[in-house]
Amino acid sequence: MDKLDKISIIGAGSWGTALGCLAARSAREVMIYSNDPAITYEINSSCRNTKYFNDTELHENLIATSQIKDTLKADIIILAIPSYAFSEILELLKSHGLKPSTILLIATKGLSENPVQFLSDKIESEFENPYAFISGPNMALEVVRNKFTAMTISSKDLSLAAKLADVFKSDMLDVTISDDIITIQIASIVKNIIAIRSGIMKSAGDGENAKAWLISTALAEISIISKALGGKPEANIALPAVIGDLVLTCYSDISRNTRFGYEFHTHNYSKEFLTTYPLLVEGISSARLLGSLIKTYDLELPLISSIIDLLHVNYS
């Protein structure tokens, strides 16, 4: 595989912008796509994305575009859009002539719908491109500010994961690799759902013992799902993208899913609050879609199912 020094990011939200800064520290050319011309202009004119990062300066090598065709020259395209937009973006890439050699690096957390499937499975069913999944315990602002963090890159092709790890790793980024893309994706989905429960528990006044119970029970249920779907949880549960991401998402004060859970409880699980909440909370849609997989495989998951039931009754 040739040197991977051209990277594009699809999605200029908080996570996409953070990954853009990360890529800009190691790649020669980095292009980030936004469907918001105001964000594109601001990144190019002042190295900022104030919608997500206030006045924090971004990496100077990051160039923005509002034309998705501009991203297609890259060796790697990072997909960092919300899960609900994943299928639409894949169709755009197809229609603009995505090269089959371009690596698709999935940074989206969630499931694809109609049918319900992993995002990696959707790519595999529609593209010939090599693909991998990147995840980890990362708060976007810390990545932008180049604070130490860790990530896991997973792929069925471990040599591809290793090649991608070499692109990104640095003194401030520890990158582990795995060939168990199933377990890593499950963890990235479940952690947002569990974080909602964490916020509920905090609002309800639960203590430190309950926090430990939540993490241990969540890990056990991640393992159950993974085994049922062909993963290898025993070998991967301790990776940053599994236990690390779970702990961070559940107990960080700036976690959107945790904050939603806290406020959802204070509003007495109000349907109006749920349907009008202004921020993107991936755990809500993930709960609904994961619920259908749990039914398909007839899995007993008391913790996850209780959260799905709570959200699904209101969500419907």
Foldseek 3Di string as FASTA:
>chain_A
DDQFQAEEEEDDALQSQLVQLLLQVFHDAYEYEDLDVVQQCCCQPPQDRCVHANPQHFDPRYHYDPDVLVRQVGLEYEYADEQVCLVVVVVVCVVSPRDQRREYEYAYAAFHVPPTDRSVVVCVVPGNHHYKYKAFQDDSNCSRVLAAGEMEIEALPQVVRVSVCVRRDDPRYHYHYYPFRLLLNLQSQLLLLLLLVLLLCVLVPDDDVVVVVSLVLSLVVSVVLQVLVPGDCVVPCPHRSHSVNSNNLNPPPPNPSSNLSNVCVVVVVDLVCVVVPPDDRNNLVRLQSVVVVCVVSVDDRVPSVVSSVSSVVSVD
